[in-house]
Amino acid sequence: MTKENIEELTKLMRQLVSDVQGAPFPGPNFEPELYSIWYEHVQRGAQNCFEYLDEHFPIDNSEFKNSLNKMFK
């Protein structure tokens, strides 16, 4: 683990948390299009985090990796 890897991972994780916290609330004026845009944005952030973790902090457990891959397809 290098300092740069940890800093980049921290940046990606903070962005993902920020994106998730900004989820549109399904109230009376809920717009499905807004939710769709938010959802796609969060999925990209999650995929970026997953790919970075997989590249720089690999786990040898293939069953775990396969489960995570299914989540982001």
N, C-alpha and C. Protein backbone atom coordinates (compact mmCIF):
# COMPACT_ATOMS: atom_id res chain seq x y z
N MET A 1 0.83 -1.18 0.00
CA MET A 1 0.00 0.00 0.00
C MET A 1 0.88 1.24 0.00
N THR A 2 0.65 2.05 -0.98
CA THR A 2 1.39 3.30 -1.03
C THR A 2 0.49 4.43 -0.52
N LYS A 3 1.12 5.52 -0.16
CA LYS A 3 0.36 6.67 0.31
C LYS A 3 -0.57 7.18 -0.78
N GLU A 4 -0.10 7.16 -2.03
CA GLU A 4 -0.92 7.62 -3.16
C GLU A 4 -2.15 6.74 -3.34
N ASN A 5 -1.98 5.41 -3.19
CA ASN A 5 -3.11 4.49 -3.31
C ASN A 5 -4.17 4.78 -2.26
N ILE A 6 -3.71 4.98 -1.03
CA ILE A 6 -4.65 5.25 0.06
C ILE A 6 -5.35 6.59 -0.15
N GLU A 7 -4.62 7.59 -0.61
CA GLU A 7 -5.23 8.89 -0.87
C GLU A 7 -6.26 8.81 -1.98
N GLU A 8 -5.95 8.08 -3.04
CA GLU A 8 -6.90 7.93 -4.14
C GLU A 8 -8.14 7.15 -3.70
N LEU A 9 -7.94 6.09 -2.93
CA LEU A 9 -9.07 5.32 -2.42
C LEU A 9 -9.94 6.19 -1.52
N THR A 10 -9.32 6.97 -0.67
CA THR A 10 -10.07 7.87 0.22
C THR A 10 -10.90 8.85 -0.60
N LYS A 11 -10.31 9.39 -1.65
CA LYS A 11 -11.03 10.33 -2.53
C LYS A 11 -12.24 9.65 -3.17
N LEU A 12 -12.06 8.44 -3.69
CA LEU A 12 -13.15 7.72 -4.33
C LEU A 12 -14.26 7.38 -3.33
N MET A 13 -13.87 6.96 -2.14
CA MET A 13 -14.86 6.59 -1.13
C MET A 13 -15.65 7.82 -0.66
N ARG A 14 -14.96 8.95 -0.48
CA ARG A 14 -15.66 10.16 -0.08
C ARG A 14 -16.66 10.60 -1.15
N GLN A 15 -16.26 10.48 -2.41
CA GLN A 15 -17.18 10.85 -3.49
C GLN A 15 -18.38 9.92 -3.51
N LEU A 16 -18.15 8.63 -3.31
CA LEU A 16 -19.26 7.67 -3.31
C LEU A 16 -20.22 7.96 -2.16
N VAL A 17 -19.70 8.20 -0.98
CA VAL A 17 -20.56 8.51 0.17
C VAL A 17 -21.35 9.79 -0.09
N SER A 18 -20.69 10.78 -0.65
CA SER A 18 -21.37 12.03 -0.98
C SER A 18 -22.49 11.79 -1.98
N ASP A 19 -22.22 10.97 -2.99
CA ASP A 19 -23.24 10.66 -3.99
C ASP A 19 -24.44 9.95 -3.37
N VAL A 20 -24.17 8.99 -2.49
CA VAL A 20 -25.24 8.23 -1.86
C VAL A 20 -26.06 9.14 -0.94
N GLN A 21 -25.41 10.03 -0.23
CA GLN A 21 -26.13 10.94 0.66
C GLN A 21 -27.03 11.89 -0.13
N GLY A 22 -26.73 12.12 -1.38
CA GLY A 22 -27.53 13.03 -2.20
C GLY A 22 -28.70 12.35 -2.89
N ALA A 23 -29.09 11.20 -2.43
CA ALA A 23 -30.19 10.46 -3.07
C ALA A 23 -31.48 11.27 -3.03
N PRO A 24 -32.21 11.31 -4.15
CA PRO A 24 -33.48 12.02 -4.16
C PRO A 24 -34.51 11.30 -3.28
N PHE A 25 -35.23 12.06 -2.50
CA PHE A 25 -36.24 11.50 -1.60
C PHE A 25 -37.54 11.26 -2.35
N PRO A 26 -38.09 10.06 -2.27
CA PRO A 26 -39.33 9.77 -3.02
C PRO A 26 -40.55 10.35 -2.31
N GLY A 27 -40.75 11.65 -2.44
CA GLY A 27 -41.90 12.32 -1.84
C GLY A 27 -42.99 12.58 -2.86
N PRO A 28 -43.90 13.49 -2.54
CA PRO A 28 -45.04 13.76 -3.43
C PRO A 28 -44.63 14.28 -4.82
N ASN A 29 -43.53 15.01 -4.90
CA ASN A 29 -43.09 15.56 -6.19
C ASN A 29 -41.93 14.76 -6.78
N PHE A 30 -41.87 13.51 -6.43
CA PHE A 30 -40.77 12.65 -6.88
C PHE A 30 -40.77 12.50 -8.40
N GLU A 31 -39.59 12.71 -9.00
CA GLU A 31 -39.44 12.59 -10.44
C GLU A 31 -38.58 11.37 -10.76
N PRO A 32 -39.14 10.35 -11.41
CA PRO A 32 -38.39 9.14 -11.73
C PRO A 32 -37.12 9.43 -12.54
N GLU A 33 -37.16 10.44 -13.40
CA GLU A 33 -35.99 10.77 -14.21
C GLU A 33 -34.84 11.24 -13.33
N LEU A 34 -35.14 12.04 -12.31
CA LEU A 34 -34.12 12.51 -11.37
C LEU A 34 -33.49 11.33 -10.64
N TYR A 35 -34.33 10.40 -10.21
CA TYR A 35 -33.82 9.21 -9.53
C TYR A 35 -32.94 8.39 -10.46
N SER A 36 -33.33 8.25 -11.70
CA SER A 36 -32.57 7.49 -12.68
C SER A 36 -31.19 8.10 -12.89
N ILE A 37 -31.14 9.42 -13.00
CA ILE A 37 -29.85 10.12 -13.17
C ILE A 37 -28.98 9.90 -11.95
N TRP A 38 -29.57 10.05 -10.75
CA TRP A 38 -28.82 9.85 -9.51
C TRP A 38 -28.29 8.41 -9.45
N TYR A 39 -29.16 7.45 -9.75
CA TYR A 39 -28.79 6.04 -9.66
C TYR A 39 -27.61 5.72 -10.57
N GLU A 40 -27.65 6.17 -11.80
CA GLU A 40 -26.54 5.92 -12.73
C GLU A 40 -25.25 6.55 -12.23
N HIS A 41 -25.35 7.75 -11.67
CA HIS A 41 -24.18 8.45 -11.15
C HIS A 41 -23.56 7.66 -9.98
N VAL A 42 -24.40 7.19 -9.07
CA VAL A 42 -23.91 6.43 -7.92
C VAL A 42 -23.32 5.09 -8.37
N GLN A 43 -23.93 4.46 -9.34
CA GLN A 43 -23.40 3.18 -9.83
C GLN A 43 -22.01 3.37 -10.43
N ARG A 44 -21.79 4.45 -11.16
CA ARG A 44 -20.45 4.73 -11.70
C ARG A 44 -19.44 4.90 -10.58
N GLY A 45 -19.83 5.64 -9.55
CA GLY A 45 -18.94 5.84 -8.40
C GLY A 45 -18.62 4.54 -7.69
N ALA A 46 -19.62 3.70 -7.53
CA ALA A 46 -19.41 2.41 -6.88
C ALA A 46 -18.49 1.53 -7.74
N GLN A 47 -18.69 1.54 -9.03
CA GLN A 47 -17.85 0.74 -9.92
C GLN A 47 -16.41 1.24 -9.89
N ASN A 48 -16.21 2.56 -9.88
CA ASN A 48 -14.86 3.12 -9.79
C ASN A 48 -14.17 2.68 -8.50
N CYS A 49 -14.89 2.73 -7.40
CA CYS A 49 -14.32 2.29 -6.11
C CYS A 49 -13.96 0.80 -6.17
N PHE A 50 -14.88 0.01 -6.68
CA PHE A 50 -14.65 -1.43 -6.76
C PHE A 50 -13.42 -1.75 -7.61
N GLU A 51 -13.33 -1.13 -8.77
CA GLU A 51 -12.20 -1.38 -9.65
C GLU A 51 -10.87 -0.96 -9.01
N TYR A 52 -10.88 0.17 -8.34
CA TYR A 52 -9.66 0.65 -7.68
C TYR A 52 -9.27 -0.30 -6.55
N LEU A 53 -10.24 -0.71 -5.75
CA LEU A 53 -9.96 -1.67 -4.67
C LEU A 53 -9.41 -2.97 -5.24
N ASP A 54 -10.04 -3.45 -6.29
CA ASP A 54 -9.62 -4.71 -6.89
C ASP A 54 -8.20 -4.62 -7.44
N GLU A 55 -7.85 -3.49 -8.02
CA GLU A 55 -6.52 -3.33 -8.61
C GLU A 55 -5.44 -3.12 -7.55
N HIS A 56 -5.72 -2.32 -6.54
CA HIS A 56 -4.68 -1.94 -5.58
C HIS A 56 -4.74 -2.67 -4.24
N PHE A 57 -5.86 -3.28 -3.93
CA PHE A 57 -6.03 -3.99 -2.67
C PHE A 57 -6.72 -5.33 -2.95
N PRO A 58 -6.06 -6.19 -3.73
CA PRO A 58 -6.71 -7.43 -4.17
C PRO A 58 -7.00 -8.39 -3.01
N ILE A 59 -8.06 -9.14 -3.19
CA ILE A 59 -8.43 -10.21 -2.26
C ILE A 59 -8.34 -11.50 -3.05
N ASP A 60 -7.72 -12.48 -2.48
CA ASP A 60 -7.52 -13.74 -3.19
C ASP A 60 -8.77 -14.63 -3.21
N ASN A 61 -9.76 -14.31 -2.44
CA ASN A 61 -10.96 -15.12 -2.35
C ASN A 61 -11.82 -14.92 -3.60
N SER A 62 -11.76 -15.85 -4.54
CA SER A 62 -12.47 -15.70 -5.82
C SER A 62 -13.99 -15.72 -5.65
N GLU A 63 -14.50 -16.44 -4.68
CA GLU A 63 -15.95 -16.48 -4.46
C GLU A 63 -16.45 -15.09 -4.06
N PHE A 64 -15.71 -14.41 -3.21
CA PHE A 64 -16.08 -13.06 -2.79
C PHE A 64 -16.03 -12.10 -3.98
N LYS A 65 -14.98 -12.20 -4.78
CA LYS A 65 -14.84 -11.33 -5.94
C LYS A 65 -15.98 -11.57 -6.93
N ASN A 66 -16.35 -12.83 -7.15
CA ASN A 66 -17.44 -13.13 -8.07
C ASN A 66 -18.76 -12.54 -7.59
N SER A 67 -18.99 -12.59 -6.28
CA SER A 67 -20.21 -12.01 -5.72
C SER A 67 -20.25 -10.50 -5.94
N LEU A 68 -19.12 -9.84 -5.71
CA LEU A 68 -19.08 -8.39 -5.91
C LEU A 68 -19.26 -8.03 -7.36
N ASN A 69 -18.66 -8.80 -8.25
CA ASN A 69 -18.79 -8.52 -9.69
C ASN A 69 -20.26 -8.59 -10.12
N LYS A 70 -21.02 -9.54 -9.57
CA LYS A 70 -22.43 -9.68 -9.92
C LYS A 70 -23.23 -8.47 -9.47
N MET A 71 -22.82 -7.86 -8.37
CA MET A 71 -23.54 -6.70 -7.85
C MET A 71 -23.45 -5.49 -8.77
N PHE A 72 -22.34 -5.36 -9.49
CA PHE A 72 -22.09 -4.15 -10.28
C PHE A 72 -22.27 -4.36 -11.76
N LYS A 73 -22.97 -5.39 -12.16
CA LYS A 73 -23.24 -5.62 -13.59
C LYS A 73 -24.59 -5.08 -13.94
